[in-house]
Amino acid sequence: MSMSPTPLVNVVRYSALIGGIGYGIFHRRSLQKDWDAKALLHEQKQREELIKKAKEEYAKIKSAAQAKIAPVVDAVTDPEDPNFDLEKAFERWEKE
């Protein structure tokens, strides 16, 4: 003889099943929300780091370009001056 479950047992089983599914959905959503917030924060930090590196590289390039353009200030171009340096004078004339 097989014993069939009573209506009370069926109600408890299906209530537990529905409750478990509802809890699973709620828990998954809360985990997903936390993960999305962490991913967004990571992306923002990564962008800030890239911007910082780009600014540093730009500053290096700009300073190198300024060094090429800027004339040698301490170059004395008067050959009669005792501080005359031919190499510095040539560098200054090349840059000008």
PDB file of N, CA and C in Angstrom:
ATOM      1  N   MET A   1       0.806  -1.161   0.000  1.00  0.00           N
ATOM      2  CA  MET A   1       0.000   0.000   0.000  1.00  0.00           C
ATOM      3  C   MET A   1       0.873   1.256   0.000  1.00  0.00           C
ATOM      4  N   SER A   2       0.620   2.147  -0.918  1.00  0.00           N
ATOM      5  CA  SER A   2       1.396   3.376  -0.955  1.00  0.00           C
ATOM      6  C   SER A   2       0.670   4.450  -0.177  1.00  0.00           C
ATOM      7  N   MET A   3       1.470   5.207   0.499  1.00  0.00           N
ATOM      8  CA  MET A   3       0.876   6.271   1.308  1.00  0.00           C
ATOM      9  C   MET A   3       1.012   7.583   0.543  1.00  0.00           C
ATOM     10  N   SER A   4      -0.084   8.246   0.324  1.00  0.00           N
ATOM     11  CA  SER A   4      -0.033   9.535  -0.349  1.00  0.00           C
ATOM     12  C   SER A   4       0.066  10.625   0.705  1.00  0.00           C
ATOM     13  N   PRO A   5       0.770  11.692   0.354  1.00  0.00           N
ATOM     14  CA  PRO A   5       0.936  12.750   1.334  1.00  0.00           C
ATOM     15  C   PRO A   5      -0.394  13.449   1.616  1.00  0.00           C
ATOM     16  N   THR A   6      -0.510  13.902   2.822  1.00  0.00           N
ATOM     17  CA  THR A   6      -1.741  14.574   3.217  1.00  0.00           C
ATOM     18  C   THR A   6      -1.745  15.987   2.629  1.00  0.00           C
ATOM     19  N   PRO A   7      -2.894  16.600   2.557  1.00  0.00           N
ATOM     20  CA  PRO A   7      -2.958  17.960   2.015  1.00  0.00           C
ATOM     21  C   PRO A   7      -2.092  18.943   2.818  1.00  0.00           C
ATOM     22  N   LEU A   8      -1.976  18.757   4.114  1.00  0.00           N
ATOM     23  CA  LEU A   8      -1.147  19.651   4.920  1.00  0.00           C
ATOM     24  C   LEU A   8       0.325  19.536   4.520  1.00  0.00           C
ATOM     25  N   VAL A   9       0.808  18.324   4.276  1.00  0.00           N
ATOM     26  CA  VAL A   9       2.189  18.108   3.875  1.00  0.00           C
ATOM     27  C   VAL A   9       2.436  18.753   2.509  1.00  0.00           C
ATOM     28  N   ASN A  10       1.473  18.625   1.590  1.00  0.00           N
ATOM     29  CA  ASN A  10       1.621  19.243   0.265  1.00  0.00           C
ATOM     30  C   ASN A  10       1.687  20.764   0.373  1.00  0.00           C
ATOM     31  N   VAL A  11       0.873  21.347   1.229  1.00  0.00           N
ATOM     32  CA  VAL A  11       0.880  22.799   1.404  1.00  0.00           C
ATOM     33  C   VAL A  11       2.234  23.241   1.950  1.00  0.00           C
ATOM     34  N   VAL A  12       2.764  22.527   2.918  1.00  0.00           N
ATOM     35  CA  VAL A  12       4.054  22.876   3.497  1.00  0.00           C
ATOM     36  C   VAL A  12       5.161  22.733   2.445  1.00  0.00           C
ATOM     37  N   ARG A  13       5.133  21.658   1.663  1.00  0.00           N
ATOM     38  CA  ARG A  13       6.152  21.433   0.632  1.00  0.00           C
ATOM     39  C   ARG A  13       6.146  22.557  -0.399  1.00  0.00           C
ATOM     40  N   TYR A  14       4.984  22.862  -0.933  1.00  0.00           N
ATOM     41  CA  TYR A  14       4.910  23.885  -1.979  1.00  0.00           C
ATOM     42  C   TYR A  14       5.175  25.280  -1.422  1.00  0.00           C
ATOM     43  N   SER A  15       4.779  25.513  -0.172  1.00  0.00           N
ATOM     44  CA  SER A  15       5.087  26.800   0.452  1.00  0.00           C
ATOM     45  C   SER A  15       6.599  26.962   0.613  1.00  0.00           C
ATOM     46  N   ALA A  16       7.274  25.901   1.038  1.00  0.00           N
ATOM     47  CA  ALA A  16       8.726  25.933   1.189  1.00  0.00           C
ATOM     48  C   ALA A  16       9.400  26.130  -0.181  1.00  0.00           C
ATOM     49  N   LEU A  17       8.873  25.464  -1.205  1.00  0.00           N
ATOM     50  CA  LEU A  17       9.424  25.598  -2.546  1.00  0.00           C
ATOM     51  C   LEU A  17       9.285  27.037  -3.054  1.00  0.00           C
ATOM     52  N   ILE A  18       8.093  27.598  -2.930  1.00  0.00           N
ATOM     53  CA  ILE A  18       7.851  28.970  -3.380  1.00  0.00           C
ATOM     54  C   ILE A  18       8.676  29.959  -2.558  1.00  0.00           C
ATOM     55  N   GLY A  19       8.760  29.741  -1.252  1.00  0.00           N
ATOM     56  CA  GLY A  19       9.575  30.605  -0.393  1.00  0.00           C
ATOM     57  C   GLY A  19      11.050  30.539  -0.776  1.00  0.00           C
ATOM     58  N   GLY A  20      11.549  29.372  -1.077  1.00  0.00           N
ATOM     59  CA  GLY A  20      12.942  29.198  -1.483  1.00  0.00           C
ATOM     60  C   GLY A  20      13.231  29.893  -2.803  1.00  0.00           C
ATOM     61  N   ILE A  21      12.314  29.774  -3.733  1.00  0.00           N
ATOM     62  CA  ILE A  21      12.494  30.446  -5.024  1.00  0.00           C
ATOM     63  C   ILE A  21      12.482  31.967  -4.831  1.00  0.00           C
ATOM     64  N   GLY A  22      11.550  32.460  -4.027  1.00  0.00           N
ATOM     65  CA  GLY A  22      11.480  33.901  -3.755  1.00  0.00           C
ATOM     66  C   GLY A  22      12.750  34.399  -3.077  1.00  0.00           C
ATOM     67  N   TYR A  23      13.243  33.656  -2.095  1.00  0.00           N
ATOM     68  CA  TYR A  23      14.479  34.036  -1.413  1.00  0.00           C
ATOM     69  C   TYR A  23      15.645  34.030  -2.398  1.00  0.00           C
ATOM     70  N   GLY A  24      15.716  33.034  -3.246  1.00  0.00           N
ATOM     71  CA  GLY A  24      16.795  32.949  -4.234  1.00  0.00           C
ATOM     72  C   GLY A  24      16.798  34.151  -5.170  1.00  0.00           C
ATOM     73  N   ILE A  25      15.621  34.546  -5.624  1.00  0.00           N
ATOM     74  CA  ILE A  25      15.524  35.713  -6.514  1.00  0.00           C
ATOM     75  C   ILE A  25      15.973  36.969  -5.779  1.00  0.00           C
ATOM     76  N   PHE A  26      15.489  37.168  -4.565  1.00  0.00           N
ATOM     77  CA  PHE A  26      15.850  38.346  -3.774  1.00  0.00           C
ATOM     78  C   PHE A  26      17.351  38.380  -3.497  1.00  0.00           C
ATOM     79  N   HIS A  27      17.917  37.248  -3.101  1.00  0.00           N
ATOM     80  CA  HIS A  27      19.342  37.175  -2.776  1.00  0.00           C
ATOM     81  C   HIS A  27      20.195  37.425  -4.024  1.00  0.00           C
ATOM     82  N   ARG A  28      19.795  36.872  -5.148  1.00  0.00           N
ATOM     83  CA  ARG A  28      20.530  37.075  -6.407  1.00  0.00           C
ATOM     84  C   ARG A  28      20.537  38.547  -6.792  1.00  0.00           C
ATOM     85  N   ARG A  29      19.413  39.221  -6.640  1.00  0.00           N
ATOM     86  CA  ARG A  29      19.342  40.648  -6.970  1.00  0.00           C
ATOM     87  C   ARG A  29      20.251  41.478  -6.064  1.00  0.00           C
ATOM     88  N   SER A  30      20.275  41.154  -4.776  1.00  0.00           N
ATOM     89  CA  SER A  30      21.135  41.924  -3.868  1.00  0.00           C
ATOM     90  C   SER A  30      22.612  41.675  -4.184  1.00  0.00           C
ATOM     91  N   LEU A  31      22.982  40.446  -4.512  1.00  0.00           N
ATOM     92  CA  LEU A  31      24.361  40.149  -4.889  1.00  0.00           C
ATOM     93  C   LEU A  31      24.738  40.856  -6.188  1.00  0.00           C
ATOM     94  N   GLN A  32      23.808  40.869  -7.151  1.00  0.00           N
ATOM     95  CA  GLN A  32      24.071  41.524  -8.428  1.00  0.00           C
ATOM     96  C   GLN A  32      24.249  43.030  -8.238  1.00  0.00           C
ATOM     97  N   LYS A  33      23.442  43.631  -7.361  1.00  0.00           N
ATOM     98  CA  LYS A  33      23.552  45.062  -7.094  1.00  0.00           C
ATOM     99  C   LYS A  33      24.915  45.387  -6.492  1.00  0.00           C
ATOM    100  N   ASP A  34      25.384  44.575  -5.550  1.00  0.00           N
ATOM    101  CA  ASP A  34      26.700  44.786  -4.947  1.00  0.00           C
ATOM    102  C   ASP A  34      27.806  44.636  -5.980  1.00  0.00           C
ATOM    103  N   TRP A  35      27.693  43.614  -6.830  1.00  0.00           N
ATOM    104  CA  TRP A  35      28.709  43.368  -7.840  1.00  0.00           C
ATOM    105  C   TRP A  35      28.749  44.523  -8.842  1.00  0.00           C
ATOM    106  N   ASP A  36      27.586  45.019  -9.260  1.00  0.00           N
ATOM    107  CA  ASP A  36      27.531  46.145 -10.192  1.00  0.00           C
ATOM    108  C   ASP A  36      28.167  47.395  -9.594  1.00  0.00           C
ATOM    109  N   ALA A  37      27.928  47.646  -8.309  1.00  0.00           N
ATOM    110  CA  ALA A  37      28.512  48.815  -7.652  1.00  0.00           C
ATOM    111  C   ALA A  37      30.035  48.687  -7.601  1.00  0.00           C
ATOM    112  N   LYS A  38      30.541  47.504  -7.285  1.00  0.00           N
ATOM    113  CA  LYS A  38      31.989  47.289  -7.244  1.00  0.00           C
ATOM    114  C   LYS A  38      32.598  47.417  -8.637  1.00  0.00           C
ATOM    115  N   ALA A  39      31.915  46.908  -9.654  1.00  0.00           N
ATOM    116  CA  ALA A  39      32.417  47.008 -11.019  1.00  0.00           C
ATOM    117  C   ALA A  39      32.474  48.468 -11.464  1.00  0.00           C
ATOM    118  N   LEU A  40      31.464  49.246 -11.123  1.00  0.00           N
ATOM    119  CA  LEU A  40      31.442  50.663 -11.477  1.00  0.00           C
ATOM    120  C   LEU A  40      32.580  51.407 -10.783  1.00  0.00           C
ATOM    121  N   LEU A  41      32.791  51.131  -9.515  1.00  0.00           N
ATOM    122  CA  LEU A  41      33.873  51.763  -8.762  1.00  0.00           C
ATOM    123  C   LEU A  41      35.235  51.404  -9.372  1.00  0.00           C
ATOM    124  N   HIS A  42      35.407  50.136  -9.728  1.00  0.00           N
ATOM    125  CA  HIS A  42      36.661  49.695 -10.350  1.00  0.00           C
ATOM    126  C   HIS A  42      36.878  50.408 -11.685  1.00  0.00           C
ATOM    127  N   GLU A  43      35.831  50.531 -12.472  1.00  0.00           N
ATOM    128  CA  GLU A  43      35.930  51.207 -13.763  1.00  0.00           C
ATOM    129  C   GLU A  43      36.298  52.683 -13.589  1.00  0.00           C
ATOM    130  N   GLN A  44      35.703  53.333 -12.595  1.00  0.00           N
ATOM    131  CA  GLN A  44      36.019  54.740 -12.338  1.00  0.00           C
ATOM    132  C   GLN A  44      37.482  54.899 -11.912  1.00  0.00           C
ATOM    133  N   LYS A  45      37.956  54.025 -11.035  1.00  0.00           N
ATOM    134  CA  LYS A  45      39.350  54.090 -10.600  1.00  0.00           C
ATOM    135  C   LYS A  45      40.300  53.857 -11.770  1.00  0.00           C
ATOM    136  N   GLN A  46      39.925  52.919 -12.639  1.00  0.00           N
ATOM    137  CA  GLN A  46      40.755  52.629 -13.800  1.00  0.00           C
ATOM    138  C   GLN A  46      40.810  53.835 -14.737  1.00  0.00           C
ATOM    139  N   ARG A  47      39.684  54.494 -14.951  1.00  0.00           N
ATOM    140  CA  ARG A  47      39.658  55.690 -15.797  1.00  0.00           C
ATOM    141  C   ARG A  47      40.503  56.800 -15.191  1.00  0.00           C
ATOM    142  N   GLU A  48      40.390  56.996 -13.873  1.00  0.00           N
ATOM    143  CA  GLU A  48      41.183  58.026 -13.202  1.00  0.00           C
ATOM    144  C   GLU A  48      42.677  57.739 -13.357  1.00  0.00           C
ATOM    145  N   GLU A  49      43.058  56.480 -13.242  1.00  0.00           N
ATOM    146  CA  GLU A  49      44.454  56.097 -13.378  1.00  0.00           C
ATOM    147  C   GLU A  49      44.941  56.354 -14.805  1.00  0.00           C
ATOM    148  N   LEU A  50      44.113  56.020 -15.798  1.00  0.00           N
ATOM    149  CA  LEU A  50      44.488  56.270 -17.184  1.00  0.00           C
ATOM    150  C   LEU A  50      44.619  57.765 -17.466  1.00  0.00           C
ATOM    151  N   ILE A  51      43.715  58.552 -16.916  1.00  0.00           N
ATOM    152  CA  ILE A  51      43.784  60.006 -17.101  1.00  0.00           C
ATOM    153  C   ILE A  51      45.052  60.553 -16.459  1.00  0.00           C
ATOM    154  N   LYS A  52      45.370  60.045 -15.275  1.00  0.00           N
ATOM    155  CA  LYS A  52      46.585  60.483 -14.583  1.00  0.00           C
ATOM    156  C   LYS A  52      47.835  60.150 -15.400  1.00  0.00           C
ATOM    157  N   LYS A  53      47.889  58.932 -15.945  1.00  0.00           N
ATOM    158  CA  LYS A  53      49.034  58.535 -16.761  1.00  0.00           C
ATOM    159  C   LYS A  53      49.115  59.380 -18.034  1.00  0.00           C
ATOM    160  N   ALA A  54      47.964  59.649 -18.644  1.00  0.00           N
ATOM    161  CA  ALA A  54      47.953  60.463 -19.861  1.00  0.00           C
ATOM    162  C   ALA A  54      48.444  61.873 -19.572  1.00  0.00           C
ATOM    163  N   LYS A  55      48.035  62.435 -18.451  1.00  0.00           N
ATOM    164  CA  LYS A  55      48.499  63.779 -18.090  1.00  0.00           C
ATOM    165  C   LYS A  55      50.003  63.794 -17.862  1.00  0.00           C
ATOM    166  N   GLU A  56      50.522  62.757 -17.208  1.00  0.00           N
ATOM    167  CA  GLU A  56      51.966  62.676 -16.977  1.00  0.00           C
ATOM    168  C   GLU A  56      52.723  62.576 -18.298  1.00  0.00           C
ATOM    169  N   GLU A  57      52.239  61.733 -19.213  1.00  0.00           N
ATOM    170  CA  GLU A  57      52.886  61.594 -20.514  1.00  0.00           C
ATOM    171  C   GLU A  57      52.824  62.900 -21.301  1.00  0.00           C
ATOM    172  N   TYR A  58      51.688  63.574 -21.228  1.00  0.00           N
ATOM    173  CA  TYR A  58      51.538  64.850 -21.924  1.00  0.00           C
ATOM    174  C   TYR A  58      52.517  65.876 -21.359  1.00  0.00           C
ATOM    175  N   ALA A  59      52.656  65.889 -20.050  1.00  0.00           N
ATOM    176  CA  ALA A  59      53.598  66.828 -19.426  1.00  0.00           C
ATOM    177  C   ALA A  59      55.032  66.520 -19.866  1.00  0.00           C
ATOM    178  N   LYS A  60      55.374  65.233 -19.962  1.00  0.00           N
ATOM    179  CA  LYS A  60      56.718  64.854 -20.413  1.00  0.00           C
ATOM    180  C   LYS A  60      56.946  65.316 -21.850  1.00  0.00           C
ATOM    181  N   ILE A  61      55.969  65.055 -22.708  1.00  0.00           N
ATOM    182  CA  ILE A  61      56.100  65.437 -24.112  1.00  0.00           C
ATOM    183  C   ILE A  61      56.177  66.945 -24.248  1.00  0.00           C
ATOM    184  N   LYS A  62      55.338  67.633 -23.506  1.00  0.00           N
ATOM    185  CA  LYS A  62      55.315  69.096 -23.578  1.00  0.00           C
ATOM    186  C   LYS A  62      56.637  69.681 -23.076  1.00  0.00           C
ATOM    187  N   SER A  63      57.162  69.144 -21.978  1.00  0.00           N
ATOM    188  CA  SER A  63      58.424  69.665 -21.452  1.00  0.00           C
ATOM    189  C   SER A  63      59.572  69.364 -22.415  1.00  0.00           C
ATOM    190  N   ALA A  64      59.524  68.197 -23.064  1.00  0.00           N
ATOM    191  CA  ALA A  64      60.565  67.863 -24.042  1.00  0.00           C
ATOM    192  C   ALA A  64      60.475  68.806 -25.240  1.00  0.00           C
ATOM    193  N   ALA A  65      59.253  69.111 -25.669  1.00  0.00           N
ATOM    194  CA  ALA A  65      59.076  70.033 -26.787  1.00  0.00           C
ATOM    195  C   ALA A  65      59.534  71.440 -26.394  1.00  0.00           C
ATOM    196  N   GLN A  66      59.234  71.842 -25.170  1.00  0.00           N
ATOM    197  CA  GLN A  66      59.671  73.155 -24.699  1.00  0.00           C
ATOM    198  C   GLN A  66      61.191  73.224 -24.618  1.00  0.00           C
ATOM    199  N   ALA A  67      61.809  72.136 -24.216  1.00  0.00           N
ATOM    200  CA  ALA A  67      63.267  72.110 -24.128  1.00  0.00           C
ATOM    201  C   ALA A  67      63.883  72.242 -25.517  1.00  0.00           C
ATOM    202  N   LYS A  68      63.241  71.657 -26.533  1.00  0.00           N
ATOM    203  CA  LYS A  68      63.748  71.772 -27.898  1.00  0.00           C
ATOM    204  C   LYS A  68      63.591  73.198 -28.408  1.00  0.00           C
ATOM    205  N   ILE A  69      62.454  73.802 -28.098  1.00  0.00           N
ATOM    206  CA  ILE A  69      62.147  75.126 -28.625  1.00  0.00           C
ATOM    207  C   ILE A  69      62.899  76.215 -27.875  1.00  0.00           C
ATOM    208  N   ALA A  70      62.986  76.077 -26.568  1.00  0.00           N
ATOM    209  CA  ALA A  70      63.592  77.130 -25.740  1.00  0.00           C
ATOM    210  C   ALA A  70      65.062  77.308 -26.107  1.00  0.00           C
ATOM    211  N   PRO A  71      65.461  78.517 -26.368  1.00  0.00           N
ATOM    212  CA  PRO A  71      66.872  78.745 -26.704  1.00  0.00           C
ATOM    213  C   PRO A  71      67.744  78.598 -25.465  1.00  0.00           C
ATOM    214  N   VAL A  72      68.964  78.325 -25.706  1.00  0.00           N
ATOM    215  CA  VAL A  72      69.922  78.223 -24.616  1.00  0.00           C
ATOM    216  C   VAL A  72      70.194  79.639 -24.133  1.00  0.00           C
ATOM    217  N   VAL A  73      69.734  79.930 -22.932  1.00  0.00           N
ATOM    218  CA  VAL A  73      69.808  81.288 -22.416  1.00  0.00           C
ATOM    219  C   VAL A  73      71.230  81.673 -22.042  1.00  0.00           C
ATOM    220  N   ASP A  74      71.965  80.735 -21.489  1.00  0.00           N
ATOM    221  CA  ASP A  74      73.285  81.075 -20.990  1.00  0.00           C
ATOM    222  C   ASP A  74      74.358  81.039 -22.080  1.00  0.00           C
ATOM    223  N   ALA A  75      73.946  80.875 -23.332  1.00  0.00           N
ATOM    224  CA  ALA A  75      74.928  80.848 -24.416  1.00  0.00           C
ATOM    225  C   ALA A  75      75.348  82.275 -24.749  1.00  0.00           C
ATOM    226  N   VAL A  76      76.619  82.492 -24.717  1.00  0.00           N
ATOM    227  CA  VAL A  76      77.180  83.799 -25.056  1.00  0.00           C
ATOM    228  C   VAL A  76      77.587  83.746 -26.529  1.00  0.00           C
ATOM    229  N   THR A  77      77.047  84.657 -27.314  1.00  0.00           N
ATOM    230  CA  THR A  77      77.311  84.624 -28.748  1.00  0.00           C
ATOM    231  C   THR A  77      78.384  85.627 -29.187  1.00  0.00           C
ATOM    232  N   ASP A  78      78.877  86.381 -28.276  1.00  0.00           N
ATOM    233  CA  ASP A  78      79.912  87.365 -28.601  1.00  0.00           C
ATOM    234  C   ASP A  78      81.281  86.688 -28.502  1.00  0.00           C
ATOM    235  N   PRO A  79      81.991  86.560 -29.630  1.00  0.00           N
ATOM    236  CA  PRO A  79      83.284  85.875 -29.588  1.00  0.00           C
ATOM    237  C   PRO A  79      84.335  86.610 -28.761  1.00  0.00           C
ATOM    238  N   GLU A  80      84.150  87.877 -28.506  1.00  0.00           N
ATOM    239  CA  GLU A  80      85.112  88.645 -27.731  1.00  0.00           C
ATOM    240  C   GLU A  80      84.954  88.436 -26.228  1.00  0.00           C
ATOM    241  N   ASP A  81      83.797  87.878 -25.826  1.00  0.00           N
ATOM    242  CA  ASP A  81      83.516  87.655 -24.400  1.00  0.00           C
ATOM    243  C   ASP A  81      84.370  86.492 -23.890  1.00  0.00           C
ATOM    244  N   PRO A  82      84.961  86.594 -22.695  1.00  0.00           N
ATOM    245  CA  PRO A  82      85.780  85.485 -22.165  1.00  0.00           C
ATOM    246  C   PRO A  82      84.943  84.237 -21.837  1.00  0.00           C
ATOM    247  N   ASN A  83      83.620  84.377 -21.667  1.00  0.00           N
ATOM    248  CA  ASN A  83      82.754  83.230 -21.378  1.00  0.00           C
ATOM    249  C   ASN A  83      82.167  82.611 -22.655  1.00  0.00           C
ATOM    250  N   PHE A  84      82.675  82.983 -23.810  1.00  0.00           N
ATOM    251  CA  PHE A  84      82.159  82.480 -25.083  1.00  0.00           C
ATOM    252  C   PHE A  84      82.407  80.985 -25.200  1.00  0.00           C
ATOM    253  N   ASP A  85      81.319  80.241 -25.554  1.00  0.00           N
ATOM    254  CA  ASP A  85      81.422  78.801 -25.780  1.00  0.00           C
ATOM    255  C   ASP A  85      80.852  78.520 -27.161  1.00  0.00           C
ATOM    256  N   LEU A  86      81.700  78.043 -28.057  1.00  0.00           N
ATOM    257  CA  LEU A  86      81.314  77.851 -29.445  1.00  0.00           C
ATOM    258  C   LEU A  86      80.186  76.816 -29.577  1.00  0.00           C
ATOM    259  N   GLU A  87      80.259  75.726 -28.813  1.00  0.00           N
ATOM    260  CA  GLU A  87      79.236  74.673 -28.903  1.00  0.00           C
ATOM    261  C   GLU A  87      77.875  75.196 -28.465  1.00  0.00           C
ATOM    262  N   LYS A  88      77.837  75.925 -27.370  1.00  0.00           N
ATOM    263  CA  LYS A  88      76.567  76.481 -26.898  1.00  0.00           C
ATOM    264  C   LYS A  88      76.022  77.509 -27.890  1.00  0.00           C
ATOM    265  N   ALA A  89      76.893  78.264 -28.492  1.00  0.00           N
ATOM    266  CA  ALA A  89      76.453  79.236 -29.483  1.00  0.00           C
ATOM    267  C   ALA A  89      75.844  78.525 -30.685  1.00  0.00           C
ATOM    268  N   PHE A  90      76.494  77.451 -31.154  1.00  0.00           N
ATOM    269  CA  PHE A  90      75.931  76.684 -32.265  1.00  0.00           C
ATOM    270  C   PHE A  90      74.575  76.082 -31.900  1.00  0.00           C
ATOM    271  N   GLU A  91      74.438  75.530 -30.679  1.00  0.00           N
ATOM    272  CA  GLU A  91      73.159  74.966 -30.225  1.00  0.00           C
ATOM    273  C   GLU A  91      72.066  76.029 -30.246  1.00  0.00           C
ATOM    274  N   ARG A  92      72.404  77.198 -29.774  1.00  0.00           N
ATOM    275  CA  ARG A  92      71.405  78.270 -29.741  1.00  0.00           C
ATOM    276  C   ARG A  92      71.009  78.685 -31.158  1.00  0.00           C
ATOM    277  N   TRP A  93      71.964  78.796 -32.040  1.00  0.00           N
ATOM    278  CA  TRP A  93      71.667  79.194 -33.419  1.00  0.00           C
ATOM    279  C   TRP A  93      70.848  78.121 -34.139  1.00  0.00           C
ATOM    280  N   GLU A  94      71.113  76.842 -33.837  1.00  0.00           N
ATOM    281  CA  GLU A  94      70.339  75.757 -34.451  1.00  0.00           C
ATOM    282  C   GLU A  94      68.894  75.784 -33.994  1.00  0.00           C
ATOM    283  N   LYS A  95      68.682  76.077 -32.730  1.00  0.00           N
ATOM    284  CA  LYS A  95      67.322  76.087 -32.194  1.00  0.00           C
ATOM    285  C   LYS A  95      66.541  77.295 -32.665  1.00  0.00           C
ATOM    286  N   GLU A  96      67.240  78.377 -32.916  1.00  0.00           N
ATOM    287  CA  GLU A  96      66.561  79.579 -33.401  1.00  0.00           C
ATOM    288  C   GLU A  96      66.246  79.394 -34.858  1.00  0.00           C
TER     289      GLU A  96
END
